[in-house]
């Protein structure tokens, strides 16, 4: 006879909210980690080119000689 929608228990609603919240936080942390790895790779490539430019700087060559 009772084929209509059933009402969930309050503790089950709270548990569902906590699980959904933790899942969203997990996804955001995962995205943040991937973004940081991507930015480090980009900065690593830039630092290598900046490091080689330092040796061609006349001021740095003068300090190395003197």
PDB file of N, CA and C in Angstrom:
ATOM      1  N   UNK A   1       0.831  -1.197   0.000  1.00  0.00           N
ATOM      2  CA  UNK A   1       0.000   0.000   0.000  1.00  0.00           C
ATOM      3  C   UNK A   1       0.865   1.247   0.000  1.00  0.00           C
ATOM      4  N   UNK A   2       2.010   1.227   0.706  1.00  0.00           N
ATOM      5  CA  UNK A   2       2.872   2.408   0.797  1.00  0.00           C
ATOM      6  C   UNK A   2       3.907   2.438  -0.319  1.00  0.00           C
ATOM      7  N   UNK A   3       3.476   2.787  -1.529  1.00  0.00           N
ATOM      8  CA  UNK A   3       4.411   2.816  -2.654  1.00  0.00           C
ATOM      9  C   UNK A   3       4.954   4.218  -2.927  1.00  0.00           C
ATOM     10  N   UNK A   4       4.580   5.212  -2.131  1.00  0.00           N
ATOM     11  CA  UNK A   4       5.044   6.588  -2.331  1.00  0.00           C
ATOM     12  C   UNK A   4       6.487   6.763  -1.871  1.00  0.00           C
ATOM     13  N   UNK A   5       7.035   7.971  -2.042  1.00  0.00           N
ATOM     14  CA  UNK A   5       8.417   8.229  -1.621  1.00  0.00           C
ATOM     15  C   UNK A   5       8.541   8.133  -0.100  1.00  0.00           C
ATOM     16  N   UNK A   6       9.618   7.497   0.340  1.00  0.00           N
ATOM     17  CA  UNK A   6       9.831   7.337   1.777  1.00  0.00           C
ATOM     18  C   UNK A   6      10.705   8.469   2.295  1.00  0.00           C
ATOM     19  N   UNK A   7      10.427   8.869   3.499  1.00  0.00           N
ATOM     20  CA  UNK A   7      11.198   9.936   4.123  1.00  0.00           C
ATOM     21  C   UNK A   7      12.430   9.326   4.791  1.00  0.00           C
ATOM     22  N   UNK A   8      13.580   9.952   4.552  1.00  0.00           N
ATOM     23  CA  UNK A   8      14.821   9.439   5.127  1.00  0.00           C
ATOM     24  C   UNK A   8      14.942   9.849   6.590  1.00  0.00           C
ATOM     25  N   UNK A   9      15.656   9.042   7.351  1.00  0.00           N
ATOM     26  CA  UNK A   9      15.917   9.367   8.749  1.00  0.00           C
ATOM     27  C   UNK A   9      16.850  10.582   8.825  1.00  0.00           C
ATOM     28  N   UNK A  10      16.707  11.409   9.849  1.00  0.00           N
ATOM     29  CA  UNK A  10      17.573  12.592   9.962  1.00  0.00           C
ATOM     30  C   UNK A  10      19.064  12.242  10.022  1.00  0.00           C
ATOM     31  N   UNK A  11      19.430  11.159  10.693  1.00  0.00           N
ATOM     32  CA  UNK A  11      20.845  10.805  10.765  1.00  0.00           C
ATOM     33  C   UNK A  11      21.378  10.372   9.403  1.00  0.00           C
ATOM     34  N   UNK A  12      20.512   9.790   8.561  1.00  0.00           N
ATOM     35  CA  UNK A  12      20.936   9.380   7.234  1.00  0.00           C
ATOM     36  C   UNK A  12      21.137  10.597   6.331  1.00  0.00           C
ATOM     37  N   UNK A  13      20.314  11.610   6.498  1.00  0.00           N
ATOM     38  CA  UNK A  13      20.487  12.855   5.740  1.00  0.00           C
ATOM     39  C   UNK A  13      21.802  13.525   6.138  1.00  0.00           C
ATOM     40  N   UNK A  14      22.077  13.570   7.431  1.00  0.00           N
ATOM     41  CA  UNK A  14      23.337  14.158   7.894  1.00  0.00           C
ATOM     42  C   UNK A  14      24.548  13.387   7.405  1.00  0.00           C
ATOM     43  N   UNK A  15      24.477  12.067   7.450  1.00  0.00           N
ATOM     44  CA  UNK A  15      25.574  11.233   6.979  1.00  0.00           C
ATOM     45  C   UNK A  15      25.801  11.433   5.482  1.00  0.00           C
ATOM     46  N   UNK A  16      24.721  11.528   4.727  1.00  0.00           N
ATOM     47  CA  UNK A  16      24.842  11.775   3.292  1.00  0.00           C
ATOM     48  C   UNK A  16      25.477  13.131   3.023  1.00  0.00           C
ATOM     49  N   UNK A  17      25.095  14.144   3.781  1.00  0.00           N
ATOM     50  CA  UNK A  17      25.667  15.477   3.599  1.00  0.00           C
ATOM     51  C   UNK A  17      27.160  15.469   3.895  1.00  0.00           C
ATOM     52  N   UNK A  18      27.571  14.784   4.949  1.00  0.00           N
ATOM     53  CA  UNK A  18      28.990  14.720   5.303  1.00  0.00           C
ATOM     54  C   UNK A  18      29.777  13.989   4.228  1.00  0.00           C
ATOM     55  N   UNK A  19      29.250  12.884   3.727  1.00  0.00           N
ATOM     56  CA  UNK A  19      29.942  12.113   2.688  1.00  0.00           C
ATOM     57  C   UNK A  19      30.078  12.939   1.410  1.00  0.00           C
ATOM     58  N   UNK A  20      29.027  13.633   1.020  1.00  0.00           N
ATOM     59  CA  UNK A  20      29.087  14.465  -0.180  1.00  0.00           C
ATOM     60  C   UNK A  20      30.096  15.603   0.017  1.00  0.00           C
ATOM     61  N   UNK A  21      30.098  16.217   1.173  1.00  0.00           N
ATOM     62  CA  UNK A  21      31.044  17.292   1.462  1.00  0.00           C
ATOM     63  C   UNK A  21      32.484  16.792   1.386  1.00  0.00           C
ATOM     64  N   UNK A  22      32.772  15.646   1.995  1.00  0.00           N
ATOM     65  CA  UNK A  22      34.124  15.096   1.954  1.00  0.00           C
ATOM     66  C   UNK A  22      34.533  14.715   0.535  1.00  0.00           C
ATOM     67  N   UNK A  23      33.606  14.232  -0.260  1.00  0.00           N
ATOM     68  CA  UNK A  23      33.917  13.911  -1.651  1.00  0.00           C
ATOM     69  C   UNK A  23      34.272  15.165  -2.436  1.00  0.00           C
ATOM     70  N   UNK A  24      33.526  16.245  -2.218  1.00  0.00           N
ATOM     71  CA  UNK A  24      33.814  17.508  -2.905  1.00  0.00           C
ATOM     72  C   UNK A  24      35.186  18.029  -2.489  1.00  0.00           C
ATOM     73  N   UNK A  25      35.511  17.964  -1.198  1.00  0.00           N
ATOM     74  CA  UNK A  25      36.825  18.404  -0.720  1.00  0.00           C
ATOM     75  C   UNK A  25      37.923  17.552  -1.341  1.00  0.00           C
ATOM     76  N   UNK A  26      37.720  16.240  -1.426  1.00  0.00           N
ATOM     77  CA  UNK A  26      38.703  15.347  -2.032  1.00  0.00           C
ATOM     78  C   UNK A  26      38.950  15.717  -3.490  1.00  0.00           C
ATOM     79  N   UNK A  27      37.893  15.983  -4.240  1.00  0.00           N
ATOM     80  CA  UNK A  27      38.040  16.347  -5.649  1.00  0.00           C
ATOM     81  C   UNK A  27      38.773  17.676  -5.782  1.00  0.00           C
ATOM     82  N   UNK A  28      38.447  18.647  -4.931  1.00  0.00           N
ATOM     83  CA  UNK A  28      39.132  19.937  -4.989  1.00  0.00           C
ATOM     84  C   UNK A  28      40.612  19.803  -4.645  1.00  0.00           C
ATOM     85  N   UNK A  29      40.958  18.990  -3.652  1.00  0.00           N
ATOM     86  CA  UNK A  29      42.356  18.770  -3.317  1.00  0.00           C
ATOM     87  C   UNK A  29      43.095  18.068  -4.453  1.00  0.00           C
ATOM     88  N   UNK A  30      42.441  17.146  -5.106  1.00  0.00           N
ATOM     89  CA  UNK A  30      43.052  16.453  -6.234  1.00  0.00           C
ATOM     90  C   UNK A  30      43.320  17.418  -7.388  1.00  0.00           C
ATOM     91  N   UNK A  31      42.360  18.283  -7.684  1.00  0.00           N
ATOM     92  CA  UNK A  31      42.539  19.283  -8.737  1.00  0.00           C
ATOM     93  C   UNK A  31      43.667  20.238  -8.371  1.00  0.00           C
ATOM     94  N   UNK A  32      43.723  20.641  -7.114  1.00  0.00           N
ATOM     95  CA  UNK A  32      44.788  21.535  -6.665  1.00  0.00           C
ATOM     96  C   UNK A  32      46.156  20.878  -6.817  1.00  0.00           C
ATOM     97  N   UNK A  33      46.261  19.603  -6.452  1.00  0.00           N
ATOM     98  CA  UNK A  33      47.532  18.885  -6.578  1.00  0.00           C
ATOM     99  C   UNK A  33      47.977  18.803  -8.034  1.00  0.00           C
ATOM    100  N   UNK A  34      47.047  18.480  -8.921  1.00  0.00           N
ATOM    101  CA  UNK A  34      47.385  18.394 -10.341  1.00  0.00           C
ATOM    102  C   UNK A  34      47.786  19.761 -10.889  1.00  0.00           C
ATOM    103  N   UNK A  35      47.125  20.813 -10.435  1.00  0.00           N
ATOM    104  CA  UNK A  35      47.453  22.176 -10.881  1.00  0.00           C
ATOM    105  C   UNK A  35      48.853  22.554 -10.410  1.00  0.00           C
ATOM    106  N   UNK A  36      49.191  22.212  -9.158  1.00  0.00           N
ATOM    107  CA  UNK A  36      50.527  22.528  -8.645  1.00  0.00           C
ATOM    108  C   UNK A  36      51.610  21.788  -9.424  1.00  0.00           C
ATOM    109  N   UNK A  37      51.382  20.520  -9.750  1.00  0.00           N
ATOM    110  CA  UNK A  37      52.356  19.757 -10.530  1.00  0.00           C
ATOM    111  C   UNK A  37      52.540  20.391 -11.906  1.00  0.00           C
ATOM    112  N   UNK A  38      51.436  20.817 -12.503  1.00  0.00           N
ATOM    113  CA  UNK A  38      51.513  21.449 -13.827  1.00  0.00           C
ATOM    114  C   UNK A  38      52.298  22.753 -13.768  1.00  0.00           C
ATOM    115  N   UNK A  39      52.055  23.565 -12.748  1.00  0.00           N
ATOM    116  CA  UNK A  39      52.755  24.839 -12.629  1.00  0.00           C
ATOM    117  C   UNK A  39      54.241  24.633 -12.336  1.00  0.00           C
ATOM    118  N   UNK A  40      54.590  23.616 -11.539  1.00  0.00           N
ATOM    119  CA  UNK A  40      56.004  23.334 -11.274  1.00  0.00           C
ATOM    120  C   UNK A  40      56.721  22.929 -12.537  1.00  0.00           C
ATOM    121  N   UNK A  41      56.078  22.162 -13.394  1.00  0.00           N
ATOM    122  CA  UNK A  41      56.705  21.769 -14.659  1.00  0.00           C
ATOM    123  C   UNK A  41      56.959  22.985 -15.533  1.00  0.00           C
ATOM    124  N   UNK A  42      55.984  23.904 -15.579  1.00  0.00           N
ATOM    125  CA  UNK A  42      56.169  25.119 -16.377  1.00  0.00           C
ATOM    126  C   UNK A  42      57.285  25.977 -15.792  1.00  0.00           C
ATOM    127  N   UNK A  43      57.317  26.150 -14.477  1.00  0.00           N
ATOM    128  CA  UNK A  43      58.349  26.961 -13.845  1.00  0.00           C
ATOM    129  C   UNK A  43      59.714  26.294 -13.946  1.00  0.00           C
ATOM    130  N   UNK A  44      59.764  24.989 -13.922  1.00  0.00           N
ATOM    131  CA  UNK A  44      61.029  24.272 -14.060  1.00  0.00           C
ATOM    132  C   UNK A  44      61.657  24.547 -15.408  1.00  0.00           C
ATOM    133  N   UNK A  45      60.873  24.587 -16.457  1.00  0.00           N
ATOM    134  CA  UNK A  45      61.386  24.907 -17.786  1.00  0.00           C
ATOM    135  C   UNK A  45      61.873  26.334 -17.865  1.00  0.00           C
ATOM    136  N   UNK A  46      61.190  27.257 -17.201  1.00  0.00           N
ATOM    137  CA  UNK A  46      61.613  28.648 -17.203  1.00  0.00           C
ATOM    138  C   UNK A  46      62.875  28.842 -16.381  1.00  0.00           C
ATOM    139  N   UNK A  47      63.028  28.149 -15.276  1.00  0.00           N
ATOM    140  CA  UNK A  47      64.204  28.312 -14.438  1.00  0.00           C
ATOM    141  C   UNK A  47      65.457  27.804 -15.144  1.00  0.00           C
ATOM    142  N   UNK A  48      65.333  26.759 -15.951  1.00  0.00           N
ATOM    143  CA  UNK A  48      66.487  26.261 -16.679  1.00  0.00           C
ATOM    144  C   UNK A  48      66.985  27.297 -17.670  1.00  0.00           C
ATOM    145  N   UNK A  49      66.087  27.984 -18.360  1.00  0.00           N
ATOM    146  CA  UNK A  49      66.520  28.996 -19.314  1.00  0.00           C
ATOM    147  C   UNK A  49      67.081  30.208 -18.585  1.00  0.00           C
ATOM    148  N   UNK A  50      66.525  30.576 -17.448  1.00  0.00           N
ATOM    149  CA  UNK A  50      67.048  31.701 -16.688  1.00  0.00           C
ATOM    150  C   UNK A  50      68.420  31.381 -16.113  1.00  0.00           C
ATOM    151  N   UNK A  51      68.632  30.147 -15.719  1.00  0.00           N
ATOM    152  CA  UNK A  51      69.915  29.749 -15.167  1.00  0.00           C
ATOM    153  C   UNK A  51      71.022  29.830 -16.197  1.00  0.00           C
ATOM    154  N   UNK A  52      70.750  29.498 -17.450  1.00  0.00           N
ATOM    155  CA  UNK A  52      71.782  29.572 -18.485  1.00  0.00           C
ATOM    156  C   UNK A  52      72.054  31.018 -18.867  1.00  0.00           C
ATOM    157  N   UNK A  53      71.063  31.888 -18.760  1.00  0.00           N
ATOM    158  CA  UNK A  53      71.277  33.298 -19.080  1.00  0.00           C
ATOM    159  C   UNK A  53      72.191  33.960 -18.064  1.00  0.00           C
ATOM    160  N   UNK A  54      72.233  33.477 -16.864  1.00  0.00           N
ATOM    161  CA  UNK A  54      73.072  34.059 -15.830  1.00  0.00           C
ATOM    162  C   UNK A  54      74.554  33.987 -16.198  1.00  0.00           C
ATOM    163  N   UNK A  55      74.949  32.910 -16.853  1.00  0.00           N
ATOM    164  CA  UNK A  55      76.361  32.739 -17.187  1.00  0.00           C
ATOM    165  C   UNK A  55      76.796  33.694 -18.287  1.00  0.00           C
ATOM    166  N   UNK A  56      75.859  34.209 -19.058  1.00  0.00           N
ATOM    167  CA  UNK A  56      76.195  35.147 -20.145  1.00  0.00           C
ATOM    168  C   UNK A  56      76.125  36.586 -19.664  1.00  0.00           C
ATOM    169  N   UNK A  57      75.797  36.794 -18.418  1.00  0.00           N
ATOM    170  CA  UNK A  57      75.700  38.145 -17.873  1.00  0.00           C
ATOM    171  C   UNK A  57      77.105  38.685 -17.628  1.00  0.00           C
ATOM    172  N   UNK A  58      77.463  39.856 -18.149  1.00  0.00           N
ATOM    173  CA  UNK A  58      78.804  40.391 -17.950  1.00  0.00           C
ATOM    174  C   UNK A  58      79.134  40.643 -16.474  1.00  0.00           C
ATOM    175  N   UNK A  59      78.120  41.040 -15.697  1.00  0.00           N
ATOM    176  CA  UNK A  59      78.359  41.276 -14.274  1.00  0.00           C
ATOM    177  C   UNK A  59      78.736  40.002 -13.547  1.00  0.00           C
ATOM    178  N   UNK A  60      78.089  38.909 -13.883  1.00  0.00           N
ATOM    179  CA  UNK A  60      78.401  37.635 -13.247  1.00  0.00           C
ATOM    180  C   UNK A  60      79.782  37.145 -13.657  1.00  0.00           C
ATOM    181  N   UNK A  61      80.192  37.391 -14.921  1.00  0.00           N
ATOM    182  CA  UNK A  61      81.521  36.972 -15.375  1.00  0.00           C
ATOM    183  C   UNK A  61      82.593  37.787 -14.656  1.00  0.00           C
ATOM    184  N   UNK A  62      82.313  39.067 -14.431  1.00  0.00           N
ATOM    185  CA  UNK A  62      83.282  39.907 -13.709  1.00  0.00           C
ATOM    186  C   UNK A  62      83.452  39.462 -12.274  1.00  0.00           C
ATOM    187  N   UNK A  63      82.373  39.023 -11.637  1.00  0.00           N
ATOM    188  CA  UNK A  63      82.475  38.559 -10.264  1.00  0.00           C
ATOM    189  C   UNK A  63      83.247  37.236 -10.194  1.00  0.00           C
ATOM    190  N   UNK A  64      83.094  36.402 -11.192  1.00  0.00           N
ATOM    191  CA  UNK A  64      83.781  35.110 -11.202  1.00  0.00           C
ATOM    192  C   UNK A  64      85.275  35.299 -11.413  1.00  0.00           C
ATOM    193  N   UNK A  65      85.677  36.308 -12.168  1.00  0.00           N
ATOM    194  CA  UNK A  65      87.090  36.532 -12.433  1.00  0.00           C
ATOM    195  C   UNK A  65      87.769  37.221 -11.261  1.00  0.00           C
ATOM    196  N   UNK A  66      87.063  38.100 -10.616  1.00  0.00           N
ATOM    197  CA  UNK A  66      87.696  38.929  -9.596  1.00  0.00           C
ATOM    198  C   UNK A  66      87.612  38.290  -8.282  1.00  0.00           C
TER     199      UNK A  66
END
